[in-house]
Amino acid sequence: METAIKDTKSKDSQQAKKGHPSGDQRFKQLDITMKRNQYRQDSLIEVLHKAQETFGYLETNVLTYVARSLKLPLSRVYGVATFYHLFSVKSNVDTAHTCVVCMGTACYVKGGGEVVKALEKELEITVGGTTPDNQISLMAARCMGACGIAPAVVFDGRVAGKQTPETVMEKIKDWQE
């Protein structure tokens, strides 16, 4: 029995030295972030930010890895990843630019709805769509947690606050040139 326990510990330590079973070194960045936070479950958002930064978007295997490492149900990790719109669970690799408009209460009340309407009219697409030339994807977020700078819009991963239909259209026109 003792040899079985020793063998298991030996395999675990060898696996830890090797990194992720896939051999993908990007997982090492996640491991560093999780270790720095002592694998605390309340570090989930920080770990997901690191994963998004490292992978570009949150693949299913990344969400599973985070869930197992933090000892959280996958449903909880997926729920957080899909609630906050700064996280993307699908790749926008084929799209040159992404525009995400916050539609949380503060942003909506301060003009987020008008921003979306202007974008849909100009780009001739609806929220969730991509222009036919794959240049711009338009998305809406439930909440970005940026209520103090409402209405907030994320242009290619950069948050811009106090946006109006006019300021957003200037950015879109820059992209189209």
C-alpha atoms as a PDB file:
ATOM      1  CA  MET A   1       0.000   0.000   0.000  1.00  0.00           C
ATOM      2  CA  GLU A   2       2.816   2.397   0.879  1.00  0.00           C
ATOM      3  CA  THR A   3       4.515   1.787  -2.471  1.00  0.00           C
ATOM      4  CA  ALA A   4       1.276   2.651  -4.279  1.00  0.00           C
ATOM      5  CA  ILE A   5       1.104   5.960  -2.390  1.00  0.00           C
ATOM      6  CA  LYS A   6       4.766   6.688  -3.112  1.00  0.00           C
ATOM      7  CA  ASP A   7       4.254   5.884  -6.819  1.00  0.00           C
ATOM      8  CA  THR A   8       1.269   8.251  -6.965  1.00  0.00           C
ATOM      9  CA  LYS A   9       3.203  11.056  -5.252  1.00  0.00           C
ATOM     10  CA  SER A  10       6.140  10.443  -7.553  1.00  0.00           C
ATOM     11  CA  LYS A  11       3.904  10.679 -10.650  1.00  0.00           C
ATOM     12  CA  ASP A  12       2.240  13.841  -9.329  1.00  0.00           C
ATOM     13  CA  SER A  13       5.577  15.557  -8.745  1.00  0.00           C
ATOM     14  CA  GLN A  14       6.810  14.499 -12.184  1.00  0.00           C
ATOM     15  CA  GLN A  15       3.612  15.899 -13.739  1.00  0.00           C
ATOM     16  CA  ALA A  16       4.044  19.190 -11.864  1.00  0.00           C
ATOM     17  CA  LYS A  17       7.582  19.525 -13.229  1.00  0.00           C
ATOM     18  CA  LYS A  18       6.458  18.786 -16.798  1.00  0.00           C
ATOM     19  CA  GLY A  19       3.617  21.364 -16.793  1.00  0.00           C
ATOM     20  CA  HIS A  20       0.288  20.904 -18.515  1.00  0.00           C
ATOM     21  CA  PRO A  21      -0.308  17.448 -20.077  1.00  0.00           C
ATOM     22  CA  SER A  22      -0.759  19.063 -23.509  1.00  0.00           C
ATOM     23  CA  GLY A  23       2.730  20.530 -23.313  1.00  0.00           C
ATOM     24  CA  ASP A  24       1.300  24.006 -23.995  1.00  0.00           C
ATOM     25  CA  GLN A  25       3.575  26.420 -22.136  1.00  0.00           C
ATOM     26  CA  ARG A  26       0.821  29.040 -21.861  1.00  0.00           C
ATOM     27  CA  PHE A  27      -0.669  27.006 -19.032  1.00  0.00           C
ATOM     28  CA  LYS A  28       2.470  27.757 -17.051  1.00  0.00           C
ATOM     29  CA  GLN A  29       1.396  31.413 -16.929  1.00  0.00           C
ATOM     30  CA  LEU A  30      -1.919  30.340 -15.426  1.00  0.00           C
ATOM     31  CA  ASP A  31      -0.123  28.133 -12.915  1.00  0.00           C
ATOM     32  CA  ILE A  32       2.040  31.063 -11.815  1.00  0.00           C
ATOM     33  CA  THR A  33      -1.023  33.281 -11.331  1.00  0.00           C
ATOM     34  CA  MET A  34      -2.903  30.584  -9.412  1.00  0.00           C
ATOM     35  CA  LYS A  35       0.117  29.781  -7.248  1.00  0.00           C
ATOM     36  CA  ARG A  36       0.646  33.479  -6.458  1.00  0.00           C
ATOM     37  CA  ASN A  37      -2.980  33.548  -5.257  1.00  0.00           C
ATOM     38  CA  GLN A  38      -2.514  30.264  -3.339  1.00  0.00           C
ATOM     39  CA  TYR A  39      -5.142  28.561  -5.509  1.00  0.00           C
ATOM     40  CA  ARG A  40      -7.865  30.519  -3.697  1.00  0.00           C
ATOM     41  CA  GLN A  41     -11.276  30.254  -5.291  1.00  0.00           C
ATOM     42  CA  ASP A  42     -11.829  33.977  -4.915  1.00  0.00           C
ATOM     43  CA  SER A  43      -8.986  34.598  -7.394  1.00  0.00           C
ATOM     44  CA  LEU A  44     -11.101  33.235 -10.261  1.00  0.00           C
ATOM     45  CA  ILE A  45     -11.541  36.562 -12.056  1.00  0.00           C
ATOM     46  CA  GLU A  46      -7.827  37.354 -11.901  1.00  0.00           C
ATOM     47  CA  VAL A  47      -6.992  33.883 -13.228  1.00  0.00           C
ATOM     48  CA  LEU A  48      -9.525  34.261 -16.059  1.00  0.00           C
ATOM     49  CA  HIS A  49      -8.012  37.643 -16.952  1.00  0.00           C
ATOM     50  CA  LYS A  50      -4.587  36.015 -17.192  1.00  0.00           C
ATOM     51  CA  ALA A  51      -6.039  33.200 -19.298  1.00  0.00           C
ATOM     52  CA  GLN A  52      -7.710  35.680 -21.660  1.00  0.00           C
ATOM     53  CA  GLU A  53      -4.485  37.665 -21.936  1.00  0.00           C
ATOM     54  CA  THR A  54      -2.450  34.527 -22.582  1.00  0.00           C
ATOM     55  CA  PHE A  55      -4.759  32.595 -24.920  1.00  0.00           C
ATOM     56  CA  GLY A  56      -6.653  35.443 -26.565  1.00  0.00           C
ATOM     57  CA  TYR A  57      -9.974  33.894 -25.584  1.00  0.00           C
ATOM     58  CA  LEU A  58     -11.202  31.313 -23.097  1.00  0.00           C
ATOM     59  CA  GLU A  59     -11.193  27.892 -24.695  1.00  0.00           C
ATOM     60  CA  THR A  60     -13.184  25.084 -23.078  1.00  0.00           C
ATOM     61  CA  ASN A  61     -10.035  23.220 -22.076  1.00  0.00           C
ATOM     62  CA  VAL A  62      -8.708  26.369 -20.376  1.00  0.00           C
ATOM     63  CA  LEU A  63     -11.940  26.813 -18.406  1.00  0.00           C
ATOM     64  CA  THR A  64     -11.794  23.148 -17.384  1.00  0.00           C
ATOM     65  CA  TYR A  65      -8.162  23.500 -16.309  1.00  0.00           C
ATOM     66  CA  VAL A  66      -8.950  26.560 -14.197  1.00  0.00           C
ATOM     67  CA  ALA A  67     -11.979  24.860 -12.635  1.00  0.00           C
ATOM     68  CA  ARG A  68      -9.986  21.790 -11.652  1.00  0.00           C
ATOM     69  CA  SER A  69      -7.016  23.793 -10.400  1.00  0.00           C
ATOM     70  CA  LEU A  70      -9.155  26.064  -8.209  1.00  0.00           C
ATOM     71  CA  LYS A  71     -11.433  23.168  -7.192  1.00  0.00           C
ATOM     72  CA  LEU A  72     -14.509  24.932  -8.542  1.00  0.00           C
ATOM     73  CA  PRO A  73     -17.413  23.485 -10.519  1.00  0.00           C
ATOM     74  CA  LEU A  74     -16.978  24.066 -14.254  1.00  0.00           C
ATOM     75  CA  SER A  75     -20.455  25.606 -14.317  1.00  0.00           C
ATOM     76  CA  ARG A  76     -19.296  28.349 -11.954  1.00  0.00           C
ATOM     77  CA  VAL A  77     -16.171  29.128 -13.980  1.00  0.00           C
ATOM     78  CA  TYR A  78     -18.186  29.157 -17.214  1.00  0.00           C
ATOM     79  CA  GLY A  79     -20.848  31.323 -15.572  1.00  0.00           C
ATOM     80  CA  VAL A  80     -18.286  33.956 -14.564  1.00  0.00           C
ATOM     81  CA  ALA A  81     -16.602  33.812 -17.978  1.00  0.00           C
ATOM     82  CA  THR A  82     -19.888  34.402 -19.790  1.00  0.00           C
ATOM     83  CA  PHE A  83     -21.299  36.998 -17.372  1.00  0.00           C
ATOM     84  CA  TYR A  84     -18.459  39.490 -17.664  1.00  0.00           C
ATOM     85  CA  HIS A  85     -18.200  40.549 -21.264  1.00  0.00           C
ATOM     86  CA  LEU A  86     -14.524  41.403 -21.127  1.00  0.00           C
ATOM     87  CA  PHE A  87     -14.078  37.644 -21.278  1.00  0.00           C
ATOM     88  CA  SER A  88     -14.562  35.976 -24.630  1.00  0.00           C
ATOM     89  CA  VAL A  89     -15.358  32.279 -24.815  1.00  0.00           C
ATOM     90  CA  LYS A  90     -15.046  32.196 -28.580  1.00  0.00           C
ATOM     91  CA  SER A  91     -12.306  33.261 -30.883  1.00  0.00           C
ATOM     92  CA  ASN A  92     -12.571  36.471 -32.859  1.00  0.00           C
ATOM     93  CA  VAL A  93      -9.414  35.572 -34.746  1.00  0.00           C
ATOM     94  CA  ASP A  94     -11.059  36.135 -38.130  1.00  0.00           C
ATOM     95  CA  THR A  95     -12.292  39.613 -37.152  1.00  0.00           C
ATOM     96  CA  ALA A  96      -9.945  42.562 -37.408  1.00  0.00           C
ATOM     97  CA  HIS A  97     -11.731  44.663 -34.738  1.00  0.00           C
ATOM     98  CA  THR A  98     -14.229  44.131 -31.943  1.00  0.00           C
ATOM     99  CA  CYS A  99     -16.556  46.693 -30.452  1.00  0.00           C
ATOM    100  CA  VAL A 100     -18.370  45.779 -27.230  1.00  0.00           C
ATOM    101  CA  VAL A 101     -21.006  48.138 -25.851  1.00  0.00           C
ATOM    102  CA  CYS A 102     -21.969  47.816 -22.188  1.00  0.00           C
ATOM    103  CA  MET A 103     -25.720  47.516 -21.727  1.00  0.00           C
ATOM    104  CA  GLY A 104     -25.727  47.375 -17.940  1.00  0.00           C
ATOM    105  CA  THR A 105     -28.229  49.620 -16.186  1.00  0.00           C
ATOM    106  CA  ALA A 106     -25.930  52.634 -15.718  1.00  0.00           C
ATOM    107  CA  CYS A 107     -24.565  52.443 -19.258  1.00  0.00           C
ATOM    108  CA  TYR A 108     -27.996  51.933 -20.792  1.00  0.00           C
ATOM    109  CA  VAL A 109     -29.519  54.856 -18.877  1.00  0.00           C
ATOM    110  CA  LYS A 110     -26.630  57.110 -19.892  1.00  0.00           C
ATOM    111  CA  GLY A 111     -26.898  56.318 -23.601  1.00  0.00           C
ATOM    112  CA  GLY A 112     -25.609  52.807 -24.278  1.00  0.00           C
ATOM    113  CA  GLY A 113     -28.772  51.970 -26.198  1.00  0.00           C
ATOM    114  CA  GLU A 114     -28.292  54.929 -28.547  1.00  0.00           C
ATOM    115  CA  VAL A 115     -24.682  53.908 -29.117  1.00  0.00           C
ATOM    116  CA  VAL A 116     -25.797  50.406 -30.149  1.00  0.00           C
ATOM    117  CA  LYS A 117     -28.488  51.780 -32.477  1.00  0.00           C
ATOM    118  CA  ALA A 118     -25.974  54.072 -34.176  1.00  0.00           C
ATOM    119  CA  LEU A 119     -23.479  51.239 -34.618  1.00  0.00           C
ATOM    120  CA  GLU A 120     -26.094  48.855 -35.992  1.00  0.00           C
ATOM    121  CA  LYS A 121     -27.236  51.499 -38.480  1.00  0.00           C
ATOM    122  CA  GLU A 122     -23.713  52.446 -39.601  1.00  0.00           C
ATOM    123  CA  LEU A 123     -22.340  48.899 -39.811  1.00  0.00           C
ATOM    124  CA  GLU A 124     -25.586  47.386 -41.130  1.00  0.00           C
ATOM    125  CA  ILE A 125     -25.333  44.496 -38.653  1.00  0.00           C
ATOM    126  CA  THR A 126     -27.020  43.619 -35.386  1.00  0.00           C
ATOM    127  CA  VAL A 127     -25.431  42.935 -32.016  1.00  0.00           C
ATOM    128  CA  GLY A 128     -23.577  39.636 -32.194  1.00  0.00           C
ATOM    129  CA  GLY A 129     -22.826  40.092 -35.870  1.00  0.00           C
ATOM    130  CA  THR A 130     -19.761  40.771 -37.957  1.00  0.00           C
ATOM    131  CA  THR A 131     -19.510  42.954 -41.031  1.00  0.00           C
ATOM    132  CA  PRO A 132     -19.417  41.008 -44.317  1.00  0.00           C
ATOM    133  CA  ASP A 133     -15.736  41.909 -44.802  1.00  0.00           C
ATOM    134  CA  ASN A 134     -14.881  40.497 -41.319  1.00  0.00           C
ATOM    135  CA  GLN A 135     -13.513  43.875 -40.262  1.00  0.00           C
ATOM    136  CA  ILE A 136     -15.746  44.626 -37.253  1.00  0.00           C
ATOM    137  CA  SER A 137     -17.698  42.505 -34.782  1.00  0.00           C
ATOM    138  CA  LEU A 138     -20.354  44.222 -32.692  1.00  0.00           C
ATOM    139  CA  MET A 139     -21.207  42.820 -29.282  1.00  0.00           C
ATOM    140  CA  ALA A 140     -23.154  43.917 -26.239  1.00  0.00           C
ATOM    141  CA  ALA A 141     -22.180  43.233 -22.646  1.00  0.00           C
ATOM    142  CA  ARG A 142     -24.514  42.667 -19.734  1.00  0.00           C
ATOM    143  CA  CYS A 143     -22.136  44.513 -17.428  1.00  0.00           C
ATOM    144  CA  MET A 144     -18.505  45.521 -17.597  1.00  0.00           C
ATOM    145  CA  GLY A 145     -18.265  46.811 -14.074  1.00  0.00           C
ATOM    146  CA  ALA A 146     -17.309  50.254 -15.372  1.00  0.00           C
ATOM    147  CA  CYS A 147     -20.426  52.088 -14.174  1.00  0.00           C
ATOM    148  CA  GLY A 148     -18.474  55.189 -13.137  1.00  0.00           C
ATOM    149  CA  ILE A 149     -17.552  55.914 -16.762  1.00  0.00           C
ATOM    150  CA  ALA A 150     -20.909  55.006 -18.306  1.00  0.00           C
ATOM    151  CA  PRO A 151     -21.613  54.435 -21.091  1.00  0.00           C
ATOM    152  CA  ALA A 152     -18.568  52.251 -21.618  1.00  0.00           C
ATOM    153  CA  VAL A 153     -17.437  50.726 -24.901  1.00  0.00           C
ATOM    154  CA  VAL A 154     -14.543  48.329 -25.409  1.00  0.00           C
ATOM    155  CA  PHE A 155     -12.613  48.835 -28.634  1.00  0.00           C
ATOM    156  CA  ASP A 156     -10.282  45.903 -29.347  1.00  0.00           C
ATOM    157  CA  GLY A 157      -9.922  45.163 -25.652  1.00  0.00           C
ATOM    158  CA  ARG A 158      -9.460  48.782 -24.527  1.00  0.00           C
ATOM    159  CA  VAL A 159     -12.181  50.311 -22.380  1.00  0.00           C
ATOM    160  CA  ALA A 160     -13.353  53.796 -23.321  1.00  0.00           C
ATOM    161  CA  GLY A 161     -15.728  55.689 -21.050  1.00  0.00           C
ATOM    162  CA  LYS A 162     -18.421  58.340 -21.443  1.00  0.00           C
ATOM    163  CA  GLN A 163     -19.002  57.389 -25.053  1.00  0.00           C
ATOM    164  CA  THR A 164     -21.595  58.958 -27.326  1.00  0.00           C
ATOM    165  CA  PRO A 165     -22.810  57.795 -30.725  1.00  0.00           C
ATOM    166  CA  GLU A 166     -20.550  60.477 -32.246  1.00  0.00           C
ATOM    167  CA  THR A 167     -17.353  59.449 -30.419  1.00  0.00           C
ATOM    168  CA  VAL A 168     -17.971  55.786 -31.182  1.00  0.00           C
ATOM    169  CA  MET A 169     -18.577  56.524 -34.868  1.00  0.00           C
ATOM    170  CA  GLU A 170     -15.248  58.397 -35.049  1.00  0.00           C
ATOM    171  CA  LYS A 171     -13.435  55.273 -33.841  1.00  0.00           C
ATOM    172  CA  ILE A 172     -15.355  53.039 -36.268  1.00  0.00           C
ATOM    173  CA  LYS A 173     -14.540  55.369 -39.173  1.00  0.00           C
ATOM    174  CA  ASP A 174     -10.826  55.166 -38.208  1.00  0.00           C
ATOM    175  CA  TRP A 175     -11.063  51.381 -38.406  1.00  0.00           C
ATOM    176  CA  GLN A 176     -12.762  51.514 -41.796  1.00  0.00           C
ATOM    177  CA  GLU A 177     -10.001  53.627 -43.375  1.00  0.00           C
END
